């Protein structure tokens, strides 16, 4: 019984980890590709995503990305 629950928990953790990594890479590529190169914004956001990992990617996705899309349409 407990080994099945452990297996399910392990598999679920693995899948969530893979999805989080894919999201992190997606946000980093989005930042580097679409962020305007005016000033240091692109570098700062890339560093936030890199050093804060999942939290940085989530902050970029929720805060900066909608603002950039509104401003530039990308």
C-alpha atoms as a PDB file:
ATOM      1  CA  UNK A   1       0.000   0.000   0.000  1.00  0.00           C
ATOM      2  CA  UNK A   2       2.631   2.516   1.049  1.00  0.00           C
ATOM      3  CA  UNK A   3       4.948   1.594  -1.804  1.00  0.00           C
ATOM      4  CA  UNK A   4       2.210   2.368  -4.342  1.00  0.00           C
ATOM      5  CA  UNK A   5       1.579   5.769  -2.747  1.00  0.00           C
ATOM      6  CA  UNK A   6       5.318   6.431  -2.729  1.00  0.00           C
ATOM      7  CA  UNK A   7       5.531   5.507  -6.389  1.00  0.00           C
ATOM      8  CA  UNK A   8       2.615   7.778  -7.272  1.00  0.00           C
ATOM      9  CA  UNK A   9       4.089  10.648  -5.243  1.00  0.00           C
ATOM     10  CA  UNK A  10       7.498  10.143  -6.845  1.00  0.00           C
ATOM     11  CA  UNK A  11       6.046  10.072 -10.349  1.00  0.00           C
ATOM     12  CA  UNK A  12       3.922  13.144  -9.668  1.00  0.00           C
ATOM     13  CA  UNK A  13       6.946  15.003  -8.293  1.00  0.00           C
ATOM     14  CA  UNK A  14       8.962  14.049 -11.366  1.00  0.00           C
ATOM     15  CA  UNK A  15       6.269  15.293 -13.759  1.00  0.00           C
ATOM     16  CA  UNK A  16       5.858  18.574 -11.857  1.00  0.00           C
ATOM     17  CA  UNK A  17       9.629  19.064 -11.904  1.00  0.00           C
ATOM     18  CA  UNK A  18       9.787  18.500 -15.668  1.00  0.00           C
ATOM     19  CA  UNK A  19       6.903  20.930 -16.260  1.00  0.00           C
ATOM     20  CA  UNK A  20       8.522  23.560 -14.016  1.00  0.00           C
ATOM     21  CA  UNK A  21      11.801  23.228 -15.918  1.00  0.00           C
ATOM     22  CA  UNK A  22      10.023  23.572 -19.260  1.00  0.00           C
ATOM     23  CA  UNK A  23       8.210  26.693 -17.968  1.00  0.00           C
ATOM     24  CA  UNK A  24      11.516  28.172 -16.718  1.00  0.00           C
ATOM     25  CA  UNK A  25      13.225  27.604 -20.092  1.00  0.00           C
ATOM     26  CA  UNK A  26      10.199  29.019 -21.936  1.00  0.00           C
ATOM     27  CA  UNK A  27      10.232  32.229 -19.866  1.00  0.00           C
ATOM     28  CA  UNK A  28      14.012  32.633 -20.265  1.00  0.00           C
ATOM     29  CA  UNK A  29      13.777  32.232 -24.047  1.00  0.00           C
ATOM     30  CA  UNK A  30      10.761  34.572 -24.166  1.00  0.00           C
ATOM     31  CA  UNK A  31      12.688  37.204 -22.230  1.00  0.00           C
ATOM     32  CA  UNK A  32      15.844  36.932 -24.321  1.00  0.00           C
ATOM     33  CA  UNK A  33      13.984  36.848 -27.619  1.00  0.00           C
ATOM     34  CA  UNK A  34      11.145  39.350 -27.163  1.00  0.00           C
ATOM     35  CA  UNK A  35      12.193  41.798 -24.456  1.00  0.00           C
ATOM     36  CA  UNK A  36      13.169  45.186 -25.965  1.00  0.00           C
ATOM     37  CA  UNK A  37      16.893  45.979 -25.719  1.00  0.00           C
ATOM     38  CA  UNK A  38      16.329  49.471 -24.325  1.00  0.00           C
ATOM     39  CA  UNK A  39      18.438  50.102 -21.253  1.00  0.00           C
ATOM     40  CA  UNK A  40      19.204  47.164 -19.008  1.00  0.00           C
ATOM     41  CA  UNK A  41      15.686  45.703 -18.788  1.00  0.00           C
ATOM     42  CA  UNK A  42      16.470  42.565 -20.795  1.00  0.00           C
ATOM     43  CA  UNK A  43      19.610  41.796 -18.777  1.00  0.00           C
ATOM     44  CA  UNK A  44      17.906  42.440 -15.435  1.00  0.00           C
ATOM     45  CA  UNK A  45      14.894  40.251 -16.261  1.00  0.00           C
ATOM     46  CA  UNK A  46      17.140  37.470 -17.573  1.00  0.00           C
ATOM     47  CA  UNK A  47      19.162  37.576 -14.342  1.00  0.00           C
ATOM     48  CA  UNK A  48      15.965  37.528 -12.252  1.00  0.00           C
ATOM     49  CA  UNK A  49      14.756  34.447 -14.136  1.00  0.00           C
ATOM     50  CA  UNK A  50      18.144  32.703 -13.895  1.00  0.00           C
ATOM     51  CA  UNK A  51      18.913  33.373 -10.233  1.00  0.00           C
ATOM     52  CA  UNK A  52      15.389  33.042  -8.817  1.00  0.00           C
ATOM     53  CA  UNK A  53      14.591  29.975 -10.941  1.00  0.00           C
ATOM     54  CA  UNK A  54      10.885  29.078 -10.873  1.00  0.00           C
ATOM     55  CA  UNK A  55       9.875  32.057  -8.757  1.00  0.00           C
ATOM     56  CA  UNK A  56      11.716  34.440 -11.123  1.00  0.00           C
ATOM     57  CA  UNK A  57      10.038  32.864 -14.150  1.00  0.00           C
ATOM     58  CA  UNK A  58       6.650  33.144 -12.464  1.00  0.00           C
ATOM     59  CA  UNK A  59       7.270  36.811 -11.564  1.00  0.00           C
ATOM     60  CA  UNK A  60       8.293  37.537 -15.165  1.00  0.00           C
ATOM     61  CA  UNK A  61       5.217  35.723 -16.492  1.00  0.00           C
ATOM     62  CA  UNK A  62       2.772  37.512 -14.188  1.00  0.00           C
ATOM     63  CA  UNK A  63       4.333  40.995 -14.057  1.00  0.00           C
ATOM     64  CA  UNK A  64       6.479  41.866 -17.039  1.00  0.00           C
ATOM     65  CA  UNK A  65       5.210  39.702 -19.881  1.00  0.00           C
ATOM     66  CA  UNK A  66       1.636  41.131 -19.979  1.00  0.00           C
ATOM     67  CA  UNK A  67       3.061  44.653 -19.765  1.00  0.00           C
ATOM     68  CA  UNK A  68       5.479  43.986 -22.641  1.00  0.00           C
ATOM     69  CA  UNK A  69       2.740  42.430 -24.765  1.00  0.00           C
ATOM     70  CA  UNK A  70       0.555  45.477 -24.148  1.00  0.00           C
ATOM     71  CA  UNK A  71       3.399  47.852 -25.115  1.00  0.00           C
ATOM     72  CA  UNK A  72       4.902  46.062 -28.109  1.00  0.00           C
ATOM     73  CA  UNK A  73       2.311  43.502 -29.156  1.00  0.00           C
ATOM     74  CA  UNK A  74       4.837  40.638 -28.782  1.00  0.00           C
END
